[in-house]
Protein backbone atom coordinates (compact mmCIF):
# COMPACT_ATOMS: atom_id res chain seq x y z
CA MET A 1 13.88 289.90 -123.59
CA GLY A 2 12.04 293.20 -123.04
CA LYS A 3 9.01 294.17 -125.45
CA ILE A 4 10.74 296.80 -127.23
CA SER A 5 13.79 294.47 -127.88
CA GLU A 6 11.74 291.86 -129.19
CA ILE A 7 9.61 294.24 -131.40
CA LYS A 8 13.17 295.59 -132.70
CA MET A 9 14.21 292.19 -133.22
CA GLN A 10 11.02 291.31 -135.05
CA LEU A 11 11.36 294.38 -137.43
CA ARG A 12 14.97 293.39 -137.99
CA HIS A 13 14.16 290.02 -138.98
CA LYS A 14 11.22 291.21 -141.29
CA GLU A 15 13.64 293.59 -143.18
CA TRP A 16 16.02 290.51 -143.44
CA ALA A 17 13.39 288.36 -144.68
CA GLU A 18 12.31 291.10 -147.30
CA MET A 19 16.11 291.31 -148.38
CA VAL A 20 16.45 287.54 -148.89
CA SER A 21 13.29 287.68 -150.92
CA GLU A 22 14.65 290.71 -153.17
CA CYS A 23 17.82 288.45 -153.56
CA GLN A 24 15.97 285.46 -154.71
CA ALA A 25 13.46 287.35 -156.82
CA SER A 26 16.56 288.97 -158.57
CA GLY A 27 17.57 285.80 -160.20
CA LYS A 28 21.22 286.95 -159.64
CA LYS A 29 23.98 285.33 -157.96
CA VAL A 30 24.00 286.00 -154.22
CA ASP A 31 27.37 287.60 -154.39
CA GLU A 32 26.51 289.44 -157.32
CA TRP A 33 23.11 290.84 -155.70
CA CYS A 34 25.10 291.63 -152.43
CA ARG A 35 27.70 293.74 -154.40
CA GLU A 36 25.08 295.64 -156.15
CA ASN A 37 23.11 296.56 -152.87
CA GLY A 38 26.20 297.12 -150.78
CA ILE A 39 25.69 294.22 -148.38
CA ASN A 40 28.62 292.01 -147.48
CA VAL A 41 28.14 288.19 -148.57
CA SER A 42 28.95 287.03 -145.14
CA THR A 43 26.27 289.32 -143.42
CA TYR A 44 23.69 288.12 -146.04
CA TYR A 45 24.49 284.42 -145.10
CA LYS A 46 24.53 285.34 -141.24
CA ARG A 47 21.13 286.79 -141.72
CA LEU A 48 19.75 283.85 -143.71
CA ASN A 49 20.96 281.58 -141.25
CA VAL A 50 19.27 283.40 -138.24
CA LEU A 51 15.86 283.33 -140.54
CA ARG A 52 16.54 279.60 -141.10
CA THR A 53 17.01 278.73 -137.45
CA GLU A 54 14.01 280.78 -136.39
CA LEU A 55 12.21 278.91 -139.02
CA ILE A 56 13.22 275.75 -137.76
CA GLU A 57 12.55 276.53 -133.89
CA GLY A 58 8.90 277.94 -134.88
CA SER A 59 8.18 274.75 -136.83
CA GLU A 60 9.07 272.56 -133.94
CA LYS A 61 6.60 274.81 -131.75
CA GLN A 62 3.71 274.86 -134.34
CA SER A 63 3.66 273.24 -137.67
CA ILE A 64 0.42 275.03 -138.84
CA VAL A 65 0.12 278.96 -138.66
CA PRO A 66 -3.74 279.86 -138.82
CA VAL A 67 -4.09 282.90 -141.31
CA SER A 68 -7.08 284.69 -142.64
CA VAL A 69 -6.41 284.69 -146.14
CA SER A 70 -9.17 287.07 -147.15
CA ALA A 71 -8.13 289.60 -144.78
CA SER A 72 -4.44 289.14 -144.75
CA VAL A 73 -3.17 287.97 -148.04
CA SER A 74 -4.12 289.47 -151.20
CA VAL A 75 -2.77 288.99 -154.68
CA PRO A 76 -3.31 292.08 -156.96
CA GLN A 77 -4.33 291.69 -160.58
CA ASN A 78 -3.89 293.84 -163.31
CA LYS A 79 -6.83 294.38 -165.58
CA ALA A 80 -6.56 294.74 -169.43
CA VAL A 81 -9.14 295.13 -172.22
CA SER A 82 -8.67 292.70 -175.19
CA ASP A 83 -9.49 293.83 -178.80
CA THR A 84 -12.94 292.44 -178.55
CA GLY A 85 -13.80 294.65 -175.40
CA LYS A 86 -13.75 291.85 -172.93
CA GLU A 87 -11.83 292.49 -169.58
CA LEU A 88 -8.78 290.37 -169.03
CA ILE A 89 -7.21 289.89 -165.76
CA SER A 90 -3.76 288.74 -165.23
CA ASP A 91 -1.65 288.26 -161.97
CA SER A 92 0.86 290.78 -161.35
CA GLY A 93 3.31 288.00 -159.61
CA LYS A 94 3.03 289.81 -156.40
CA ILE A 95 2.24 288.71 -153.01
CA ILE A 96 1.07 291.34 -150.62
CA ILE A 97 0.55 290.70 -146.85
CA ARG A 98 -1.14 293.25 -144.70
CA LYS A 99 -1.61 293.15 -140.94
CA ASP A 100 -2.27 296.00 -138.37
CA GLY A 101 -1.08 298.82 -140.69
CA PHE A 102 2.11 297.01 -141.91
CA GLU A 103 2.38 295.73 -145.69
CA VAL A 104 4.85 293.35 -146.96
CA GLU A 105 5.24 293.15 -150.58
CA LEU A 106 6.95 289.94 -152.00
CA SER A 107 7.68 288.46 -155.59
CA GLY A 108 5.28 285.54 -156.64
CA ASP A 109 8.11 283.23 -156.57
CA THR A 110 8.98 283.61 -152.79
CA SER A 111 9.62 280.37 -151.08
CA GLU A 112 7.17 278.48 -149.17
CA ASP A 113 9.80 278.62 -146.26
CA MET A 114 10.11 282.26 -146.49
CA LEU A 115 6.40 282.77 -146.37
CA MET A 116 5.99 280.43 -143.42
CA ALA A 117 8.75 282.45 -141.32
CA LEU A 118 6.76 285.81 -142.37
CA PHE A 119 3.51 284.11 -141.19
CA ARG A 120 5.25 283.25 -138.03
CA GLY A 121 6.42 286.67 -137.50
CA LEU A 122 3.06 288.31 -138.19
CA LYS A 123 1.39 285.92 -135.76
CA GLN A 124 3.70 287.44 -133.01
CA CYS A 125 2.82 290.96 -133.79
């Protein structure tokens, strides 16, 4: 596969992973979410299957993905002030992954499988 085709495929898979993550984070049934977002249910499941297959194939090649947490992953926090004037910190429930100018924002309840697939994809970039 050519370099450009490979990059296009990686970008498509990244978009698909975001789509699956959004659907899962919505708490809605897949068919309901797909209908609201103009996506055919069979297309959703085909894309999910491709991502899962990629995840399985990737885990056979390497079971550990090295990630620099301090540079690549950050969990933004919201600051608030209590009645006593003390600063309070609360998690916003988001996961933000940055690499080489790209940014992926996920909900805090994104599955471990999805995160691993994203890390593998980022490693290849």
